[in-house]
Amino acid sequence: MKQLRTIALAAFALAGLAGVTSASAELPTGTKAPAFSTKAALAGKEFGFALKSALAKGPVVLYFYPKAFTQGCTLEANAFAEAMPQFKAAGASVIGMSADDIATLKEFSRKECRDAFPVGIASPAVAKAYDVAMGQSGLTTRTSYVIAKDGTIVAVHSNPDYRGHVAQTLAAVKALRTK
């Protein structure tokens, strides 16, 4: 009976895995980050963000999150806001990206990003270019890219759990300073 239960559990697990596909196939390190411009918000104010302009100032942490004001995305934004002094000390800027509209991003930039870093609109074209589109939902996967000043992707962290994104990207940014 115990063996039958073990076989049944194994079959159930395999059946569940059969329908699972990769949540994302993010861009690999060593490739050039796709250039883009978008509407963004910082401290509740709208502005135009261009990756090329941001890279002219130093490395960029570009992190995609599914939806503003959801639990994981809020906690991730709070964590990035708390770490902004460390990112700035390492010479990097941070921008969060989601498919939310600009009005939502203005509010999110004030309340959850704590006026510390901008958030921008991840259009379907940007989500596709960075391979972070979550099916046809319009949402993006939780994927963070560290982009060196020359536009090369030097680190990628893709995980639905927000907790590793700040530590992983900060370590990658600090590693750039030692090169």
C-alpha atoms as a PDB file:
ATOM      1  CA  MET A   1       0.000   0.000   0.000  1.00  0.00           C
ATOM      2  CA  LYS A   2       2.830   2.394   0.880  1.00  0.00           C
ATOM      3  CA  GLN A   3       4.541   1.632  -2.444  1.00  0.00           C
ATOM      4  CA  LEU A   4       1.294   2.250  -4.326  1.00  0.00           C
ATOM      5  CA  ARG A   5       0.897   5.637  -2.593  1.00  0.00           C
ATOM      6  CA  THR A   6       4.493   6.576  -3.523  1.00  0.00           C
ATOM      7  CA  ILE A   7       3.882   5.611  -7.166  1.00  0.00           C
ATOM      8  CA  ALA A   8       0.634   7.583  -7.208  1.00  0.00           C
ATOM      9  CA  LEU A   9       2.349  10.683  -5.773  1.00  0.00           C
ATOM     10  CA  ALA A  10       5.187  10.397  -8.288  1.00  0.00           C
ATOM     11  CA  ALA A  11       2.698  10.052 -11.172  1.00  0.00           C
ATOM     12  CA  PHE A  12       0.761  13.085  -9.901  1.00  0.00           C
ATOM     13  CA  ALA A  13       3.958  15.137  -9.680  1.00  0.00           C
ATOM     14  CA  LEU A  14       5.047  14.145 -13.192  1.00  0.00           C
ATOM     15  CA  ALA A  15       1.605  14.897 -14.589  1.00  0.00           C
ATOM     16  CA  GLY A  16       1.807  18.349 -13.039  1.00  0.00           C
ATOM     17  CA  LEU A  17       5.235  18.962 -14.528  1.00  0.00           C
ATOM     18  CA  ALA A  18       4.128  17.878 -17.984  1.00  0.00           C
ATOM     19  CA  GLY A  19       2.059  21.032 -18.330  1.00  0.00           C
ATOM     20  CA  VAL A  20       4.757  23.345 -16.999  1.00  0.00           C
ATOM     21  CA  THR A  21       6.712  25.428 -19.429  1.00  0.00           C
ATOM     22  CA  SER A  22       9.509  27.822 -18.701  1.00  0.00           C
ATOM     23  CA  ALA A  23       8.122  30.994 -17.156  1.00  0.00           C
ATOM     24  CA  SER A  24      10.674  33.036 -19.018  1.00  0.00           C
ATOM     25  CA  ALA A  25      13.589  32.695 -21.316  1.00  0.00           C
ATOM     26  CA  GLU A  26      15.298  35.941 -20.348  1.00  0.00           C
ATOM     27  CA  LEU A  27      18.076  37.437 -22.427  1.00  0.00           C
ATOM     28  CA  PRO A  28      21.486  35.886 -21.724  1.00  0.00           C
ATOM     29  CA  THR A  29      24.430  37.715 -20.210  1.00  0.00           C
ATOM     30  CA  GLY A  30      26.898  39.035 -22.735  1.00  0.00           C
ATOM     31  CA  THR A  31      24.226  40.280 -25.155  1.00  0.00           C
ATOM     32  CA  LYS A  32      23.436  43.911 -25.881  1.00  0.00           C
ATOM     33  CA  ALA A  33      20.428  45.271 -24.041  1.00  0.00           C
ATOM     34  CA  PRO A  34      17.690  46.384 -26.435  1.00  0.00           C
ATOM     35  CA  ALA A  35      17.430  50.186 -26.529  1.00  0.00           C
ATOM     36  CA  PHE A  36      14.064  51.690 -25.638  1.00  0.00           C
ATOM     37  CA  SER A  37      12.328  54.870 -24.534  1.00  0.00           C
ATOM     38  CA  THR A  38       9.203  54.992 -22.413  1.00  0.00           C
ATOM     39  CA  LYS A  39       7.071  57.097 -20.101  1.00  0.00           C
ATOM     40  CA  ALA A  40       8.203  56.847 -16.506  1.00  0.00           C
ATOM     41  CA  ALA A  41       7.468  58.370 -13.123  1.00  0.00           C
ATOM     42  CA  LEU A  42       9.699  59.500 -10.284  1.00  0.00           C
ATOM     43  CA  ALA A  43       8.363  61.057  -7.097  1.00  0.00           C
ATOM     44  CA  GLY A  44       4.922  61.215  -8.701  1.00  0.00           C
ATOM     45  CA  LYS A  45       6.094  63.170 -11.732  1.00  0.00           C
ATOM     46  CA  GLU A  46       6.041  61.880 -15.301  1.00  0.00           C
ATOM     47  CA  PHE A  47       9.134  62.082 -17.504  1.00  0.00           C
ATOM     48  CA  GLY A  48      10.611  60.420 -20.570  1.00  0.00           C
ATOM     49  CA  PHE A  49      13.091  57.636 -19.857  1.00  0.00           C
ATOM     50  CA  ALA A  50      15.604  56.454 -22.461  1.00  0.00           C
ATOM     51  CA  LEU A  51      17.918  53.559 -21.659  1.00  0.00           C
ATOM     52  CA  LYS A  52      20.682  55.073 -23.801  1.00  0.00           C
ATOM     53  CA  SER A  53      20.659  58.290 -21.740  1.00  0.00           C
ATOM     54  CA  ALA A  54      20.664  56.378 -18.448  1.00  0.00           C
ATOM     55  CA  LEU A  55      23.610  54.231 -19.580  1.00  0.00           C
ATOM     56  CA  ALA A  56      25.603  57.371 -20.431  1.00  0.00           C
ATOM     57  CA  LYS A  57      25.689  58.014 -16.657  1.00  0.00           C
ATOM     58  CA  GLY A  58      26.654  54.465 -15.605  1.00  0.00           C
ATOM     59  CA  PRO A  59      25.300  50.945 -15.212  1.00  0.00           C
ATOM     60  CA  VAL A  60      21.540  50.432 -15.045  1.00  0.00           C
ATOM     61  CA  VAL A  61      19.535  47.929 -13.050  1.00  0.00           C
ATOM     62  CA  LEU A  62      16.437  47.288 -15.122  1.00  0.00           C
ATOM     63  CA  TYR A  63      13.944  45.241 -13.177  1.00  0.00           C
ATOM     64  CA  PHE A  64      10.613  44.015 -14.465  1.00  0.00           C
ATOM     65  CA  TYR A  65       7.752  43.281 -12.096  1.00  0.00           C
ATOM     66  CA  PRO A  66       4.235  42.014 -12.828  1.00  0.00           C
ATOM     67  CA  LYS A  67       1.891  44.632 -11.315  1.00  0.00           C
ATOM     68  CA  ALA A  68       2.124  47.679  -9.071  1.00  0.00           C
ATOM     69  CA  PHE A  69       0.515  47.513  -5.633  1.00  0.00           C
ATOM     70  CA  THR A  70       0.486  43.720  -5.478  1.00  0.00           C
ATOM     71  CA  GLN A  71       2.188  42.195  -2.463  1.00  0.00           C
ATOM     72  CA  GLY A  72       5.425  40.919  -4.021  1.00  0.00           C
ATOM     73  CA  CYS A  73       5.847  43.950  -6.268  1.00  0.00           C
ATOM     74  CA  THR A  74       5.287  46.343  -3.383  1.00  0.00           C
ATOM     75  CA  LEU A  75       7.812  44.521  -1.194  1.00  0.00           C
ATOM     76  CA  GLU A  76      10.320  44.454  -4.055  1.00  0.00           C
ATOM     77  CA  ALA A  77       9.912  48.203  -4.660  1.00  0.00           C
ATOM     78  CA  ASN A  78      10.375  48.856  -0.929  1.00  0.00           C
ATOM     79  CA  ALA A  79      13.564  46.745  -0.936  1.00  0.00           C
ATOM     80  CA  PHE A  80      15.016  48.581  -3.946  1.00  0.00           C
ATOM     81  CA  ALA A  81      14.137  51.928  -2.325  1.00  0.00           C
ATOM     82  CA  GLU A  82      15.956  50.946   0.869  1.00  0.00           C
ATOM     83  CA  ALA A  83      19.026  49.873  -1.132  1.00  0.00           C
ATOM     84  CA  MET A  84      19.209  52.967  -3.358  1.00  0.00           C
ATOM     85  CA  PRO A  85      22.048  54.585  -1.369  1.00  0.00           C
ATOM     86  CA  GLN A  86      24.132  51.461  -2.050  1.00  0.00           C
ATOM     87  CA  PHE A  87      23.256  51.424  -5.757  1.00  0.00           C
ATOM     88  CA  LYS A  88      24.113  55.126  -6.038  1.00  0.00           C
ATOM     89  CA  ALA A  89      27.404  54.609  -4.189  1.00  0.00           C
ATOM     90  CA  ALA A  90      28.233  51.910  -6.743  1.00  0.00           C
ATOM     91  CA  GLY A  91      27.446  54.345  -9.571  1.00  0.00           C
ATOM     92  CA  ALA A  92      24.289  52.609 -10.791  1.00  0.00           C
ATOM     93  CA  SER A  93      20.762  53.739 -11.442  1.00  0.00           C
ATOM     94  CA  VAL A  94      17.635  51.606 -11.046  1.00  0.00           C
ATOM     95  CA  ILE A  95      14.359  51.605 -12.954  1.00  0.00           C
ATOM     96  CA  GLY A  96      11.407  49.305 -12.365  1.00  0.00           C
ATOM     97  CA  MET A  97       9.237  48.348 -15.333  1.00  0.00           C
ATOM     98  CA  SER A  98       5.682  47.030 -15.552  1.00  0.00           C
ATOM     99  CA  ALA A  99       2.739  47.231 -17.923  1.00  0.00           C
ATOM    100  CA  ASP A 100       0.872  49.546 -15.550  1.00  0.00           C
ATOM    101  CA  ASP A 101      -0.403  52.878 -16.879  1.00  0.00           C
ATOM    102  CA  ILE A 102       1.386  56.125 -16.080  1.00  0.00           C
ATOM    103  CA  ALA A 103      -1.194  57.248 -13.507  1.00  0.00           C
ATOM    104  CA  THR A 104      -0.631  54.047 -11.522  1.00  0.00           C
ATOM    105  CA  LEU A 105       3.139  54.388 -11.874  1.00  0.00           C
ATOM    106  CA  LYS A 106       3.051  57.972 -10.581  1.00  0.00           C
ATOM    107  CA  GLU A 107       1.298  56.803  -7.428  1.00  0.00           C
ATOM    108  CA  PHE A 108       3.509  53.713  -7.074  1.00  0.00           C
ATOM    109  CA  SER A 109       6.666  55.837  -7.438  1.00  0.00           C
ATOM    110  CA  ARG A 110       5.574  57.949  -4.473  1.00  0.00           C
ATOM    111  CA  LYS A 111       4.096  55.355  -2.147  1.00  0.00           C
ATOM    112  CA  GLU A 112       6.147  52.220  -2.697  1.00  0.00           C
ATOM    113  CA  CYS A 113       9.310  53.356  -4.497  1.00  0.00           C
ATOM    114  CA  ARG A 114       9.467  56.115  -1.874  1.00  0.00           C
ATOM    115  CA  ASP A 115      10.605  58.712  -4.427  1.00  0.00           C
ATOM    116  CA  ALA A 116      13.958  56.861  -4.584  1.00  0.00           C
ATOM    117  CA  PHE A 117      13.936  55.545  -8.165  1.00  0.00           C
ATOM    118  CA  PRO A 118      11.710  55.697 -11.243  1.00  0.00           C
ATOM    119  CA  VAL A 119       9.252  53.181 -12.626  1.00  0.00           C
ATOM    120  CA  GLY A 120       8.383  53.008 -16.311  1.00  0.00           C
ATOM    121  CA  ILE A 121       5.888  51.504 -18.685  1.00  0.00           C
ATOM    122  CA  ALA A 122       6.949  48.159 -20.128  1.00  0.00           C
ATOM    123  CA  SER A 123       5.119  48.240 -23.437  1.00  0.00           C
ATOM    124  CA  PRO A 124       4.420  44.926 -25.172  1.00  0.00           C
ATOM    125  CA  ALA A 125       7.373  45.678 -27.488  1.00  0.00           C
ATOM    126  CA  VAL A 126       9.761  46.230 -24.547  1.00  0.00           C
ATOM    127  CA  ALA A 127       8.478  43.120 -22.752  1.00  0.00           C
ATOM    128  CA  LYS A 128       9.033  41.109 -25.920  1.00  0.00           C
ATOM    129  CA  ALA A 129      12.493  42.588 -26.545  1.00  0.00           C
ATOM    130  CA  TYR A 130      13.596  41.618 -23.019  1.00  0.00           C
ATOM    131  CA  ASP A 131      11.772  38.281 -23.195  1.00  0.00           C
ATOM    132  CA  VAL A 132       9.772  38.965 -20.041  1.00  0.00           C
ATOM    133  CA  ALA A 133       6.198  38.841 -21.381  1.00  0.00           C
ATOM    134  CA  MET A 134       4.061  36.552 -19.244  1.00  0.00           C
ATOM    135  CA  GLY A 135       2.045  34.871 -21.990  1.00  0.00           C
ATOM    136  CA  GLN A 136      -0.795  36.981 -23.350  1.00  0.00           C
ATOM    137  CA  SER A 137      -1.633  38.479 -19.943  1.00  0.00           C
ATOM    138  CA  GLY A 138       0.118  41.790 -20.579  1.00  0.00           C
ATOM    139  CA  LEU A 139       2.081  41.235 -17.360  1.00  0.00           C
ATOM    140  CA  THR A 140       5.830  40.763 -17.144  1.00  0.00           C
ATOM    141  CA  THR A 141       7.844  38.162 -15.289  1.00  0.00           C
ATOM    142  CA  ARG A 142       9.886  39.220 -12.276  1.00  0.00           C
ATOM    143  CA  THR A 143      13.243  39.543 -14.008  1.00  0.00           C
ATOM    144  CA  SER A 144      16.143  41.849 -13.173  1.00  0.00           C
ATOM    145  CA  TYR A 145      18.906  42.824 -15.568  1.00  0.00           C
ATOM    146  CA  VAL A 146      22.167  44.563 -14.760  1.00  0.00           C
ATOM    147  CA  ILE A 147      23.355  46.449 -17.820  1.00  0.00           C
ATOM    148  CA  ALA A 148      26.924  47.753 -17.992  1.00  0.00           C
ATOM    149  CA  LYS A 149      27.607  51.263 -19.228  1.00  0.00           C
ATOM    150  CA  ASP A 150      28.495  49.884 -22.681  1.00  0.00           C
ATOM    151  CA  GLY A 151      24.994  48.354 -22.964  1.00  0.00           C
ATOM    152  CA  THR A 152      26.038  44.753 -22.307  1.00  0.00           C
ATOM    153  CA  ILE A 153      23.872  42.636 -20.030  1.00  0.00           C
ATOM    154  CA  VAL A 154      26.219  41.453 -17.280  1.00  0.00           C
ATOM    155  CA  ALA A 155      23.738  39.782 -14.929  1.00  0.00           C
ATOM    156  CA  VAL A 156      20.217  38.378 -15.043  1.00  0.00           C
ATOM    157  CA  HIS A 157      18.082  37.228 -12.137  1.00  0.00           C
ATOM    158  CA  SER A 158      14.659  35.808 -12.969  1.00  0.00           C
ATOM    159  CA  ASN A 159      12.608  34.496 -10.077  1.00  0.00           C
ATOM    160  CA  PRO A 160       8.993  35.052  -9.018  1.00  0.00           C
ATOM    161  CA  ASP A 161      10.235  35.532  -5.431  1.00  0.00           C
ATOM    162  CA  TYR A 162      11.161  39.205  -5.069  1.00  0.00           C
ATOM    163  CA  ARG A 163      13.618  38.628  -2.226  1.00  0.00           C
ATOM    164  CA  GLY A 164      16.771  37.837  -4.210  1.00  0.00           C
ATOM    165  CA  HIS A 165      16.553  40.600  -6.781  1.00  0.00           C
ATOM    166  CA  VAL A 166      18.108  43.449  -4.802  1.00  0.00           C
ATOM    167  CA  ALA A 167      20.992  41.375  -3.420  1.00  0.00           C
ATOM    168  CA  GLN A 168      21.751  39.759  -6.788  1.00  0.00           C
ATOM    169  CA  THR A 169      21.714  42.993  -8.770  1.00  0.00           C
ATOM    170  CA  LEU A 170      23.647  44.954  -6.151  1.00  0.00           C
ATOM    171  CA  ALA A 171      26.374  42.284  -6.109  1.00  0.00           C
ATOM    172  CA  ALA A 172      26.590  42.433  -9.910  1.00  0.00           C
ATOM    173  CA  VAL A 173      26.828  46.232  -9.896  1.00  0.00           C
ATOM    174  CA  LYS A 174      29.573  46.125  -7.254  1.00  0.00           C
ATOM    175  CA  ALA A 175      31.451  43.515  -9.306  1.00  0.00           C
ATOM    176  CA  LEU A 176      31.488  45.960 -12.243  1.00  0.00           C
ATOM    177  CA  ARG A 177      33.419  48.448 -10.126  1.00  0.00           C
ATOM    178  CA  THR A 178      36.203  45.940  -9.535  1.00  0.00           C
ATOM    179  CA  LYS A 179      36.745  45.279 -13.253  1.00  0.00           C
END
